[in-house]
PDB file of N, CA and C in Angstrom:
ATOM      1  N   MET A   1     179.044 164.351 233.315  1.00  0.00           N
ATOM      2  CA  MET A   1     179.605 163.914 234.343  1.00  0.00           C
ATOM      3  C   MET A   1     179.205 162.390 234.439  1.00  0.00           C
ATOM      4  N   LYS A   2     177.629 161.628 234.041  1.00  0.00           N
ATOM      5  CA  LYS A   2     177.188 160.827 234.669  1.00  0.00           C
ATOM      6  C   LYS A   2     177.812 159.873 233.469  1.00  0.00           C
ATOM      7  N   THR A   3     178.009 160.010 232.334  1.00  0.00           N
ATOM      8  CA  THR A   3     178.252 159.430 231.109  1.00  0.00           C
ATOM      9  C   THR A   3     179.890 158.866 231.360  1.00  0.00           C
ATOM     10  N   THR A   4     180.792 159.766 231.752  1.00  0.00           N
ATOM     11  CA  THR A   4     181.988 160.105 232.384  1.00  0.00           C
ATOM     12  C   THR A   4     182.403 158.299 233.483  1.00  0.00           C
ATOM     13  N   HIS A   5     181.243 158.728 234.496  1.00  0.00           N
ATOM     14  CA  HIS A   5     181.221 157.514 235.534  1.00  0.00           C
ATOM     15  C   HIS A   5     180.723 156.388 234.817  1.00  0.00           C
ATOM     16  N   ILE A   6     180.055 156.504 233.783  1.00  0.00           N
ATOM     17  CA  ILE A   6     179.477 154.919 233.234  1.00  0.00           C
ATOM     18  C   ILE A   6     180.714 154.366 232.564  1.00  0.00           C
ATOM     19  N   LEU A   7     181.243 155.505 232.072  1.00  0.00           N
ATOM     20  CA  LEU A   7     182.302 154.946 230.991  1.00  0.00           C
ATOM     21  C   LEU A   7     183.524 154.064 231.830  1.00  0.00           C
ATOM     22  N   LEU A   8     183.528 154.957 232.825  1.00  0.00           N
ATOM     23  CA  LEU A   8     185.152 154.699 233.804  1.00  0.00           C
ATOM     24  C   LEU A   8     184.381 153.058 234.641  1.00  0.00           C
ATOM     25  N   LEU A   9     183.183 152.855 234.922  1.00  0.00           N
ATOM     26  CA  LEU A   9     183.089 151.963 235.662  1.00  0.00           C
ATOM     27  C   LEU A   9     182.874 150.577 234.341  1.00  0.00           C
ATOM     28  N   CYS A  10     182.599 150.963 233.239  1.00  0.00           N
ATOM     29  CA  CYS A  10     182.686 149.938 231.941  1.00  0.00           C
ATOM     30  C   CYS A  10     184.362 149.304 231.835  1.00  0.00           C
ATOM     31  N   ILE A  11     184.908 150.229 231.793  1.00  0.00           N
ATOM     32  CA  ILE A  11     186.378 150.151 231.632  1.00  0.00           C
ATOM     33  C   ILE A  11     186.862 149.099 232.803  1.00  0.00           C
ATOM     34  N   LEU A  12     186.188 149.473 234.104  1.00  0.00           N
ATOM     35  CA  LEU A  12     186.658 148.828 235.323  1.00  0.00           C
ATOM     36  C   LEU A  12     186.162 147.503 235.108  1.00  0.00           C
ATOM     37  N   GLY A  13     185.112 147.317 235.022  1.00  0.00           N
ATOM     38  CA  GLY A  13     184.672 146.041 235.014  1.00  0.00           C
ATOM     39  C   GLY A  13     185.223 144.979 233.767  1.00  0.00           C
ATOM     40  N   ALA A  14     185.435 145.594 232.743  1.00  0.00           N
ATOM     41  CA  ALA A  14     186.403 145.352 231.466  1.00  0.00           C
ATOM     42  C   ALA A  14     187.767 144.457 232.179  1.00  0.00           C
ATOM     43  N   ALA A  15     188.437 145.549 232.822  1.00  0.00           N
ATOM     44  CA  ALA A  15     189.842 145.242 233.229  1.00  0.00           C
ATOM     45  C   ALA A  15     189.740 143.731 234.369  1.00  0.00           C
ATOM     46  N   LEU A  16     188.666 144.096 235.146  1.00  0.00           N
ATOM     47  CA  LEU A  16     188.636 142.781 236.140  1.00  0.00           C
ATOM     48  C   LEU A  16     187.908 141.436 235.616  1.00  0.00           C
ATOM     49  N   LEU A  17     187.081 141.604 234.589  1.00  0.00           N
ATOM     50  CA  LEU A  17     186.539 140.752 233.883  1.00  0.00           C
ATOM     51  C   LEU A  17     188.036 139.786 233.184  1.00  0.00           C
ATOM     52  N   SER A  18     189.057 140.532 232.553  1.00  0.00           N
ATOM     53  CA  SER A  18     189.922 140.066 231.628  1.00  0.00           C
ATOM     54  C   SER A  18     191.012 139.781 232.327  1.00  0.00           C
ATOM     55  N   ALA A  19     190.890 139.930 233.657  1.00  0.00           N
ATOM     56  CA  ALA A  19     191.764 139.639 234.726  1.00  0.00           C
ATOM     57  C   ALA A  19     191.801 138.258 235.274  1.00  0.00           C
ATOM     58  N   VAL A  20     190.384 138.211 235.428  1.00  0.00           N
ATOM     59  CA  VAL A  20     190.060 136.801 235.900  1.00  0.00           C
ATOM     60  C   VAL A  20     189.941 135.469 234.505  1.00  0.00           C
ATOM     61  N   LYS A  21     189.748 136.277 233.447  1.00  0.00           N
ATOM     62  CA  LYS A  21     189.641 135.085 232.132  1.00  0.00           C
ATOM     63  C   LYS A  21     191.060 134.924 231.681  1.00  0.00           C
ATOM     64  N   CYS A  22     191.815 135.286 232.334  1.00  0.00           N
ATOM     65  CA  CYS A  22     193.610 134.958 231.706  1.00  0.00           C
ATOM     66  C   CYS A  22     194.174 134.058 232.836  1.00  0.00           C
ATOM     67  N   SER A  23     193.337 133.477 233.738  1.00  0.00           N
ATOM     68  CA  SER A  23     194.024 132.623 234.795  1.00  0.00           C
ATOM     69  C   SER A  23     194.230 131.450 234.456  1.00  0.00           C
ATOM     70  N   ASN A  24     194.702 130.968 233.452  1.00  0.00           N
ATOM     71  CA  ASN A  24     194.254 129.465 232.859  1.00  0.00           C
ATOM     72  C   ASN A  24     195.787 129.040 233.217  1.00  0.00           C
ATOM     73  N   GLY A  25     195.996 128.808 234.044  1.00  0.00           N
ATOM     74  CA  GLY A  25     197.419 128.103 234.872  1.00  0.00           C
ATOM     75  C   GLY A  25     196.451 126.605 234.764  1.00  0.00           C
ATOM     76  N   PRO A  26     197.603 125.535 235.157  1.00  0.00           N
ATOM     77  CA  PRO A  26     197.200 124.354 235.719  1.00  0.00           C
ATOM     78  C   PRO A  26     196.312 124.223 237.067  1.00  0.00           C
ATOM     79  N   ASP A  27     195.577 123.275 237.040  1.00  0.00           N
ATOM     80  CA  ASP A  27     194.601 123.466 238.272  1.00  0.00           C
ATOM     81  C   ASP A  27     195.095 122.397 239.102  1.00  0.00           C
ATOM     82  N   ASN A  28     195.665 121.190 239.331  1.00  0.00           N
ATOM     83  CA  ASN A  28     196.438 120.687 240.209  1.00  0.00           C
ATOM     84  C   ASN A  28     197.817 120.387 240.287  1.00  0.00           C
ATOM     85  N   CYS A  29     198.837 120.704 240.962  1.00  0.00           N
ATOM     86  CA  CYS A  29     199.963 120.332 240.936  1.00  0.00           C
ATOM     87  C   CYS A  29     200.681 120.010 242.258  1.00  0.00           C
ATOM     88  N   CYS A  30     201.475 119.059 242.053  1.00  0.00           N
ATOM     89  CA  CYS A  30     202.349 118.682 243.446  1.00  0.00           C
ATOM     90  C   CYS A  30     203.274 119.064 243.977  1.00  0.00           C
ATOM     91  N   PHE A  31     203.694 119.912 244.929  1.00  0.00           N
ATOM     92  CA  PHE A  31     204.832 120.438 245.672  1.00  0.00           C
ATOM     93  C   PHE A  31     205.780 119.236 246.407  1.00  0.00           C
ATOM     94  N   LYS A  32     205.068 118.063 246.816  1.00  0.00           N
ATOM     95  CA  LYS A  32     206.276 117.194 247.657  1.00  0.00           C
ATOM     96  C   LYS A  32     205.477 115.967 247.227  1.00  0.00           C
ATOM     97  N   PHE A  33     206.365 114.564 247.325  1.00  0.00           N
ATOM     98  CA  PHE A  33     205.403 113.504 247.039  1.00  0.00           C
ATOM     99  C   PHE A  33     205.191 112.602 248.462  1.00  0.00           C
ATOM    100  N   TYR A  34     204.454 111.587 248.437  1.00  0.00           N
ATOM    101  CA  TYR A  34     203.782 110.981 249.338  1.00  0.00           C
ATOM    102  C   TYR A  34     205.105 110.097 249.983  1.00  0.00           C
ATOM    103  N   PRO A  35     205.401 110.605 251.334  1.00  0.00           N
ATOM    104  CA  PRO A  35     206.459 109.850 251.989  1.00  0.00           C
ATOM    105  C   PRO A  35     206.810 108.222 252.304  1.00  0.00           C
ATOM    106  N   ARG A  36     205.414 107.863 252.085  1.00  0.00           N
ATOM    107  CA  ARG A  36     205.523 106.651 252.545  1.00  0.00           C
ATOM    108  C   ARG A  36     205.266 105.494 251.341  1.00  0.00           C
ATOM    109  N   LYS A  37     205.206 104.329 251.530  1.00  0.00           N
ATOM    110  CA  LYS A  37     204.710 102.982 250.477  1.00  0.00           C
ATOM    111  C   LYS A  37     203.386 103.189 250.002  1.00  0.00           C
ATOM    112  N   TYR A  38     203.161 103.361 248.640  1.00  0.00           N
ATOM    113  CA  TYR A  38     201.816 103.582 248.462  1.00  0.00           C
ATOM    114  C   TYR A  38     201.040 102.831 248.955  1.00  0.00           C
ATOM    115  N   PRO A  39     199.414 103.671 249.111  1.00  0.00           N
ATOM    116  CA  PRO A  39     198.422 102.984 250.026  1.00  0.00           C
ATOM    117  C   PRO A  39     197.917 101.725 249.166  1.00  0.00           C
ATOM    118  N   SER A  40     197.197 100.908 249.980  1.00  0.00           N
ATOM    119  CA  SER A  40     196.349  99.574 249.261  1.00  0.00           C
ATOM    120  C   SER A  40     195.842  99.924 247.711  1.00  0.00           C
ATOM    121  N   LEU A  41     195.914  98.922 246.678  1.00  0.00           N
ATOM    122  CA  LEU A  41     195.383  99.308 245.565  1.00  0.00           C
ATOM    123  C   LEU A  41     193.745  99.312 245.634  1.00  0.00           C
ATOM    124  N   LYS A  42     193.109  98.801 246.716  1.00  0.00           N
ATOM    125  CA  LYS A  42     191.749  98.891 246.974  1.00  0.00           C
ATOM    126  C   LYS A  42     191.389  99.990 247.069  1.00  0.00           C
ATOM    127  N   LEU A  43     192.264 100.914 247.730  1.00  0.00           N
ATOM    128  CA  LEU A  43     191.664 102.119 248.040  1.00  0.00           C
ATOM    129  C   LEU A  43     192.084 103.311 246.916  1.00  0.00           C
ATOM    130  N   ILE A  44     192.503 102.731 246.020  1.00  0.00           N
ATOM    131  CA  ILE A  44     192.764 103.970 244.735  1.00  0.00           C
ATOM    132  C   ILE A  44     191.727 103.540 243.793  1.00  0.00           C
ATOM    133  N   LYS A  45     191.342 104.609 243.117  1.00  0.00           N
ATOM    134  CA  LYS A  45     190.194 104.751 242.317  1.00  0.00           C
ATOM    135  C   LYS A  45     190.786 105.025 241.071  1.00  0.00           C
ATOM    136  N   SER A  46     191.740 105.918 240.432  1.00  0.00           N
ATOM    137  CA  SER A  46     192.434 106.214 239.149  1.00  0.00           C
ATOM    138  C   SER A  46     193.125 107.363 239.589  1.00  0.00           C
ATOM    139  N   TYR A  47     193.638 107.693 238.297  1.00  0.00           N
ATOM    140  CA  TYR A  47     195.189 108.635 238.554  1.00  0.00           C
ATOM    141  C   TYR A  47     195.128 109.425 237.385  1.00  0.00           C
ATOM    142  N   ARG A  48     196.334 110.543 237.501  1.00  0.00           N
ATOM    143  CA  ARG A  48     196.132 111.526 236.097  1.00  0.00           C
ATOM    144  C   ARG A  48     197.420 111.588 236.531  1.00  0.00           C
ATOM    145  N   LEU A  49     198.182 112.519 235.252  1.00  0.00           N
ATOM    146  CA  LEU A  49     199.516 113.232 235.434  1.00  0.00           C
ATOM    147  C   LEU A  49     199.278 114.485 235.664  1.00  0.00           C
ATOM    148  N   THR A  50     200.085 114.965 236.176  1.00  0.00           N
ATOM    149  CA  THR A  50     200.171 116.736 236.551  1.00  0.00           C
ATOM    150  C   THR A  50     200.283 117.374 234.943  1.00  0.00           C
ATOM    151  N   ASP A  51     199.908 118.103 235.253  1.00  0.00           N
ATOM    152  CA  ASP A  51     200.098 119.541 233.645  1.00  0.00           C
ATOM    153  C   ASP A  51     201.404 119.844 233.439  1.00  0.00           C
ATOM    154  N   ARG A  52     201.957 119.793 232.051  1.00  0.00           N
ATOM    155  CA  ARG A  52     203.306 120.102 232.376  1.00  0.00           C
ATOM    156  C   ARG A  52     203.852 121.599 232.604  1.00  0.00           C
ATOM    157  N   ARG A  53     203.085 122.266 232.995  1.00  0.00           N
ATOM    158  CA  ARG A  53     203.586 123.720 233.502  1.00  0.00           C
ATOM    159  C   ARG A  53     203.640 123.370 234.694  1.00  0.00           C
ATOM    160  N   CYS A  54     203.517 122.578 235.597  1.00  0.00           N
ATOM    161  CA  CYS A  54     203.551 122.461 237.294  1.00  0.00           C
ATOM    162  C   CYS A  54     205.139 122.436 237.112  1.00  0.00           C
ATOM    163  N   PRO A  55     205.143 122.611 238.430  1.00  0.00           N
ATOM    164  CA  PRO A  55     206.868 122.780 238.707  1.00  0.00           C
ATOM    165  C   PRO A  55     207.474 121.606 238.666  1.00  0.00           C
ATOM    166  N   MET A  56     207.028 120.708 238.847  1.00  0.00           N
ATOM    167  CA  MET A  56     207.643 119.502 238.915  1.00  0.00           C
ATOM    168  C   MET A  56     206.713 118.089 238.519  1.00  0.00           C
ATOM    169  N   PRO A  57     207.164 117.376 237.445  1.00  0.00           N
ATOM    170  CA  PRO A  57     206.213 116.180 237.283  1.00  0.00           C
ATOM    171  C   PRO A  57     205.618 115.255 238.425  1.00  0.00           C
ATOM    172  N   ALA A  58     204.441 114.773 238.597  1.00  0.00           N
ATOM    173  CA  ALA A  58     204.156 113.920 239.373  1.00  0.00           C
ATOM    174  C   ALA A  58     202.803 113.091 238.709  1.00  0.00           C
ATOM    175  N   VAL A  59     202.183 112.190 239.013  1.00  0.00           N
ATOM    176  CA  VAL A  59     201.030 111.331 239.298  1.00  0.00           C
ATOM    177  C   VAL A  59     200.224 111.750 240.446  1.00  0.00           C
ATOM    178  N   ILE A  60     199.225 111.899 240.556  1.00  0.00           N
ATOM    179  CA  ILE A  60     198.212 112.296 241.272  1.00  0.00           C
ATOM    180  C   ILE A  60     197.127 110.962 241.400  1.00  0.00           C
ATOM    181  N   PHE A  61     196.927 109.974 242.362  1.00  0.00           N
ATOM    182  CA  PHE A  61     196.494 108.865 242.291  1.00  0.00           C
ATOM    183  C   PHE A  61     195.163 109.240 243.301  1.00  0.00           C
ATOM    184  N   PHE A  62     193.918 108.997 243.061  1.00  0.00           N
ATOM    185  CA  PHE A  62     192.516 109.409 243.567  1.00  0.00           C
ATOM    186  C   PHE A  62     192.212 108.444 244.218  1.00  0.00           C
ATOM    187  N   THR A  63     191.954 108.605 245.478  1.00  0.00           N
ATOM    188  CA  THR A  63     191.369 107.366 246.409  1.00  0.00           C
ATOM    189  C   THR A  63     190.021 107.455 246.669  1.00  0.00           C
ATOM    190  N   LYS A  64     189.220 106.216 247.089  1.00  0.00           N
ATOM    191  CA  LYS A  64     187.896 106.265 246.848  1.00  0.00           C
ATOM    192  C   LYS A  64     187.468 106.844 248.290  1.00  0.00           C
ATOM    193  N   LEU A  65     188.344 107.474 249.084  1.00  0.00           N
ATOM    194  CA  LEU A  65     187.956 108.205 250.282  1.00  0.00           C
ATOM    195  C   LEU A  65     188.068 109.673 249.775  1.00  0.00           C
ATOM    196  N   SER A  66     187.955 110.257 248.456  1.00  0.00           N
ATOM    197  CA  SER A  66     187.960 111.479 248.107  1.00  0.00           C
ATOM    198  C   SER A  66     189.176 112.288 248.668  1.00  0.00           C
ATOM    199  N   SER A  67     190.195 111.712 248.650  1.00  0.00           N
ATOM    200  CA  SER A  67     191.684 112.151 248.851  1.00  0.00           C
ATOM    201  C   SER A  67     192.363 111.976 247.359  1.00  0.00           C
ATOM    202  N   SER A  68     193.611 112.636 247.745  1.00  0.00           N
ATOM    203  CA  SER A  68     194.611 112.760 246.575  1.00  0.00           C
ATOM    204  C   SER A  68     196.046 112.588 247.133  1.00  0.00           C
ATOM    205  N   ILE A  69     196.555 111.481 246.274  1.00  0.00           N
ATOM    206  CA  ILE A  69     198.406 111.321 246.843  1.00  0.00           C
ATOM    207  C   ILE A  69     198.889 111.712 245.681  1.00  0.00           C
ATOM    208  N   CYS A  70     200.126 112.476 245.860  1.00  0.00           N
ATOM    209  CA  CYS A  70     201.051 112.701 244.834  1.00  0.00           C
ATOM    210  C   CYS A  70     202.218 111.568 244.797  1.00  0.00           C
ATOM    211  N   MET A  71     202.924 111.360 243.771  1.00  0.00           N
ATOM    212  CA  MET A  71     203.877 110.675 243.820  1.00  0.00           C
ATOM    213  C   MET A  71     204.682 110.520 242.417  1.00  0.00           C
ATOM    214  N   ASP A  72     205.842 110.324 242.854  1.00  0.00           N
ATOM    215  CA  ASP A  72     207.097 110.234 241.795  1.00  0.00           C
ATOM    216  C   ASP A  72     206.667 109.611 240.960  1.00  0.00           C
ATOM    217  N   PRO A  73     206.336 110.127 239.384  1.00  0.00           N
ATOM    218  CA  PRO A  73     206.451 109.381 238.215  1.00  0.00           C
ATOM    219  C   PRO A  73     207.392 108.060 237.924  1.00  0.00           C
ATOM    220  N   SER A  74     208.850 108.649 238.178  1.00  0.00           N
ATOM    221  CA  SER A  74     209.633 107.619 237.721  1.00  0.00           C
ATOM    222  C   SER A  74     209.928 106.806 239.116  1.00  0.00           C
ATOM    223  N   ALA A  75     209.429 106.587 240.298  1.00  0.00           N
ATOM    224  CA  ALA A  75     209.571 105.290 240.979  1.00  0.00           C
ATOM    225  C   ALA A  75     208.761 103.994 240.462  1.00  0.00           C
ATOM    226  N   SER A  76     209.391 103.228 240.541  1.00  0.00           N
ATOM    227  CA  SER A  76     208.870 101.915 239.943  1.00  0.00           C
ATOM    228  C   SER A  76     207.455 101.288 241.072  1.00  0.00           C
ATOM    229  N   SER A  77     207.154 101.647 242.146  1.00  0.00           N
ATOM    230  CA  SER A  77     206.064 101.431 242.340  1.00  0.00           C
ATOM    231  C   SER A  77     204.815 102.158 241.777  1.00  0.00           C
ATOM    232  N   THR A  78     204.850 103.248 241.807  1.00  0.00           N
ATOM    233  CA  THR A  78     204.372 104.444 240.707  1.00  0.00           C
ATOM    234  C   THR A  78     204.113 103.415 239.463  1.00  0.00           C
ATOM    235  N   LYS A  79     204.995 103.317 238.837  1.00  0.00           N
ATOM    236  CA  LYS A  79     204.943 102.384 237.288  1.00  0.00           C
ATOM    237  C   LYS A  79     203.985 101.235 237.328  1.00  0.00           C
ATOM    238  N   ILE A  80     203.848 100.758 238.410  1.00  0.00           N
ATOM    239  CA  ILE A  80     203.417  99.633 238.553  1.00  0.00           C
ATOM    240  C   ILE A  80     201.790  99.811 239.158  1.00  0.00           C
ATOM    241  N   LEU A  81     201.950 100.703 239.977  1.00  0.00           N
ATOM    242  CA  LEU A  81     200.101 100.773 240.558  1.00  0.00           C
ATOM    243  C   LEU A  81     199.590 101.429 238.927  1.00  0.00           C
ATOM    244  N   MET A  82     199.950 102.294 238.645  1.00  0.00           N
ATOM    245  CA  MET A  82     199.529 102.966 236.827  1.00  0.00           C
ATOM    246  C   MET A  82     199.279 101.823 235.906  1.00  0.00           C
ATOM    247  N   LYS A  83     200.023 100.680 236.050  1.00  0.00           N
ATOM    248  CA  LYS A  83     199.622  99.538 235.062  1.00  0.00           C
ATOM    249  C   LYS A  83     198.671  98.849 235.344  1.00  0.00           C
ATOM    250  N   ILE A  84     198.481  98.580 236.643  1.00  0.00           N
ATOM    251  CA  ILE A  84     197.521  97.888 236.947  1.00  0.00           C
ATOM    252  C   ILE A  84     196.025  98.343 237.095  1.00  0.00           C
ATOM    253  N   LEU A  85     196.253  99.601 237.493  1.00  0.00           N
ATOM    254  CA  LEU A  85     194.993 101.110 237.067  1.00  0.00           C
ATOM    255  C   LEU A  85     194.484 100.842 235.439  1.00  0.00           C
ATOM    256  N   ASP A  86     195.424 101.137 234.710  1.00  0.00           N
ATOM    257  CA  ASP A  86     194.949 101.040 233.232  1.00  0.00           C
ATOM    258  C   ASP A  86     194.620  99.472 232.863  1.00  0.00           C
ATOM    259  N   ARG A  87     194.946  98.272 233.113  1.00  0.00           N
ATOM    260  CA  ARG A  87     194.340  97.251 232.961  1.00  0.00           C
ATOM    261  C   ARG A  87     192.749  97.010 233.566  1.00  0.00           C
ATOM    262  N   ARG A  88     193.088  97.982 234.585  1.00  0.00           N
ATOM    263  CA  ARG A  88     191.775  97.539 235.214  1.00  0.00           C
ATOM    264  C   ARG A  88     190.386  98.400 235.038  1.00  0.00           C
ATOM    265  N   SER A  89     191.154  99.353 233.956  1.00  0.00           N
ATOM    266  CA  SER A  89     190.059 100.226 233.239  1.00  0.00           C
ATOM    267  C   SER A  89     189.683  99.477 232.050  1.00  0.00           C
ATOM    268  N   PHE A  90     189.977  98.424 231.532  1.00  0.00           N
ATOM    269  CA  PHE A  90     189.909  97.919 230.030  1.00  0.00           C
ATOM    270  C   PHE A  90     188.603  96.854 230.518  1.00  0.00           C
TER     271      PHE A  90
END
């Protein structure tokens, strides 16, 4: 009887572990865009494009205040910010 219990516990543990390992979706997605004009360039530290598996494409800007802002990648202001940050990193 003890062998059966140990076997069932091993199977249950393996099933739980595989369920945790299989969650390989995107880490950060945006579901709405920042409604106001973009913040000051002095506050923005970096940016990253969202994963292609996210429901909508976006650019996530990371601020020096440890927050993030989602913006529309097709907006001209977003493209300008991205170009400035790219030049700043070189």
